Amino acid sequence: MYTLSSHDEAMTMPHDTPPRLRALRGATTVETDTSEAILERTAELVRRLLERNELPVDDVVSVLFSATPDLTADFPAVAARSVGLSSTPLLCCQEIAVAGAVERCVRVLMHCYLGEARTPHHVYLHGARRLRLDLPE
């Protein structure tokens, strides 16, 4: 435990060391280009990132989503709002089209505060697992 002071108020943080701004990565794939499929898989991805990193929503600074050009039915950010990130800045963009790249893929870059001693855990699900076979499931 440590304490941060802001003017006259002291706030005790649940981390072993002061937090550091980190970036978590992840990706998932979607079976079909439908709003339901995009939102379901993106919500699963965001929940898993939060759970694996024991990350409270209030420690998330911002989230950038990219989707491959074959996903156009909905914005991945809509799913993030549904799992509690409604006050967090969210941005969606289109991934560049590269021959042979994973199809129907949503990627995420989540900026957050983690204690210095904590190891970030990135999450790659479904067909996106092949992007990072070096990481544990």
Protein backbone atom coordinates (compact mmCIF):
# COMPACT_ATOMS: atom_id res chain seq x y z
CA MET A 1 0.00 0.00 0.00
CA TYR A 2 1.12 3.53 -0.63
CA THR A 3 -0.38 6.97 -0.29
CA LEU A 4 -0.69 9.77 -2.81
CA SER A 5 -1.29 13.27 -1.52
CA SER A 6 -3.34 15.80 -3.43
CA HIS A 7 -3.51 19.11 -1.57
CA ASP A 8 -4.87 18.20 1.87
CA GLU A 9 -6.43 14.87 0.89
CA ALA A 10 -4.58 11.58 1.05
CA MET A 11 -5.65 8.66 -1.09
CA THR A 12 -4.51 5.11 -0.37
CA MET A 13 -3.94 3.01 -3.48
CA PRO A 14 -4.22 -0.82 -3.48
CA HIS A 15 -0.98 -1.40 -5.42
CA ASP A 16 2.40 -2.34 -4.01
CA THR A 17 4.14 0.45 -5.87
CA PRO A 18 3.06 3.75 -7.41
CA PRO A 19 1.06 3.29 -10.61
CA ARG A 20 2.67 3.71 -13.99
CA LEU A 21 0.92 4.44 -17.27
CA ARG A 22 0.96 1.19 -19.26
CA ALA A 23 -0.54 -0.06 -22.52
CA LEU A 24 -2.32 -3.39 -22.76
CA ARG A 25 -2.74 -5.08 -26.13
CA GLY A 26 -5.28 -7.58 -27.31
CA ALA A 27 -7.27 -8.84 -30.24
CA THR A 28 -10.13 -11.12 -31.15
CA THR A 29 -11.82 -12.34 -34.28
CA VAL A 30 -15.46 -12.26 -35.29
CA GLU A 31 -17.21 -15.05 -37.21
CA THR A 32 -19.51 -12.76 -39.21
CA ASP A 33 -19.76 -9.04 -39.91
CA THR A 34 -22.84 -8.40 -37.80
CA SER A 35 -23.38 -5.90 -35.02
CA GLU A 36 -24.15 -8.71 -32.56
CA ALA A 37 -20.98 -10.65 -33.37
CA ILE A 38 -18.72 -7.57 -33.18
CA LEU A 39 -20.21 -6.39 -29.89
CA GLU A 40 -20.17 -9.85 -28.28
CA ARG A 41 -16.53 -10.60 -29.13
CA THR A 42 -15.32 -7.09 -28.33
CA ALA A 43 -17.07 -7.10 -24.95
CA GLU A 44 -15.48 -10.47 -24.20
CA LEU A 45 -12.05 -9.06 -25.11
CA VAL A 46 -12.43 -5.96 -22.93
CA ARG A 47 -13.75 -7.99 -19.97
CA ARG A 48 -10.83 -10.44 -20.23
CA LEU A 49 -8.29 -7.59 -20.33
CA LEU A 50 -9.83 -6.04 -17.21
CA GLU A 51 -10.03 -9.40 -15.39
CA ARG A 52 -6.55 -10.69 -16.30
CA ASN A 53 -4.99 -7.44 -15.15
CA GLU A 54 -7.25 -7.02 -12.09
CA LEU A 55 -7.91 -3.59 -13.48
CA PRO A 56 -10.66 -1.34 -12.10
CA VAL A 57 -12.49 0.64 -14.78
CA ASP A 58 -11.38 3.88 -13.10
CA ASP A 59 -7.73 3.01 -13.84
CA VAL A 60 -8.36 2.89 -17.61
CA VAL A 61 -7.20 6.12 -19.25
CA SER A 62 -8.27 5.55 -22.87
CA VAL A 63 -8.89 2.77 -25.37
CA LEU A 64 -8.11 2.60 -29.08
CA PHE A 65 -9.84 -0.05 -31.18
CA SER A 66 -9.01 -1.00 -34.74
CA ALA A 67 -11.04 -3.27 -36.98
CA THR A 68 -10.06 -4.89 -40.24
CA PRO A 69 -11.73 -3.43 -43.36
CA ASP A 70 -14.10 -6.43 -43.56
CA LEU A 71 -15.85 -5.37 -40.30
CA THR A 72 -18.32 -2.54 -40.88
CA ALA A 73 -21.51 -3.52 -39.03
CA ASP A 74 -20.74 -1.65 -35.77
CA PHE A 75 -18.17 0.24 -33.74
CA PRO A 76 -16.16 -1.88 -31.26
CA ALA A 77 -16.30 1.03 -28.79
CA VAL A 78 -20.03 0.41 -28.32
CA ALA A 79 -19.14 -2.90 -26.64
CA ALA A 80 -16.65 -1.20 -24.32
CA ARG A 81 -19.35 1.17 -23.12
CA SER A 82 -21.61 -1.80 -22.35
CA VAL A 83 -19.02 -3.30 -19.97
CA GLY A 84 -18.47 -0.15 -17.93
CA LEU A 85 -16.16 2.10 -19.94
CA SER A 86 -18.82 4.71 -20.69
CA SER A 87 -16.77 7.54 -19.11
CA THR A 88 -13.50 6.48 -20.74
CA PRO A 89 -12.28 8.11 -23.97
CA LEU A 90 -12.70 5.53 -26.76
CA LEU A 91 -11.64 5.70 -30.41
CA CYS A 92 -12.18 3.37 -33.35
CA CYS A 93 -10.14 3.24 -36.54
CA GLN A 94 -9.68 0.94 -39.49
CA GLU A 95 -6.70 -1.42 -39.56
CA ILE A 96 -4.64 -1.23 -42.75
CA ALA A 97 -5.44 -3.90 -45.33
CA VAL A 98 -2.49 -6.30 -45.60
CA ALA A 99 -2.57 -9.41 -47.77
CA GLY A 100 -2.74 -12.53 -45.61
CA ALA A 101 -3.63 -10.69 -42.39
CA VAL A 102 -6.09 -12.15 -39.89
CA GLU A 103 -9.61 -11.52 -41.19
CA ARG A 104 -12.54 -10.04 -39.25
CA CYS A 105 -10.21 -8.94 -36.47
CA VAL A 106 -10.72 -6.34 -33.73
CA ARG A 107 -7.57 -5.12 -32.00
CA VAL A 108 -7.33 -3.05 -28.83
CA LEU A 109 -4.73 -0.79 -27.22
CA MET A 110 -5.82 0.05 -23.66
CA HIS A 111 -3.93 2.76 -21.75
CA CYS A 112 -4.18 2.25 -18.00
CA TYR A 113 -2.46 2.67 -14.67
CA LEU A 114 -0.81 -0.43 -13.20
CA GLY A 115 1.52 -0.66 -10.22
CA GLU A 116 5.17 -0.59 -11.27
CA ALA A 117 5.70 -4.14 -10.00
CA ARG A 118 2.68 -5.56 -11.84
CA THR A 119 3.19 -7.38 -15.11
CA PRO A 120 0.81 -6.40 -17.91
CA HIS A 121 -1.17 -9.33 -19.33
CA HIS A 122 -2.15 -9.02 -22.98
CA VAL A 123 -5.15 -10.98 -24.29
CA TYR A 124 -5.54 -12.60 -27.71
CA LEU A 125 -8.69 -14.61 -28.30
CA HIS A 126 -10.12 -16.94 -30.92
CA GLY A 127 -8.49 -16.61 -34.36
CA ALA A 128 -6.38 -13.70 -33.15
CA ARG A 129 -4.38 -16.09 -30.95
CA ARG A 130 -2.15 -16.70 -33.96
CA LEU A 131 -0.98 -13.07 -33.76
CA ARG A 132 0.81 -13.76 -30.45
CA LEU A 133 1.53 -17.46 -30.02
CA ASP A 134 4.31 -16.47 -27.60
CA LEU A 135 1.76 -15.40 -24.96
CA PRO A 136 -0.04 -17.77 -22.58
CA GLU A 137 -3.80 -18.08 -23.01
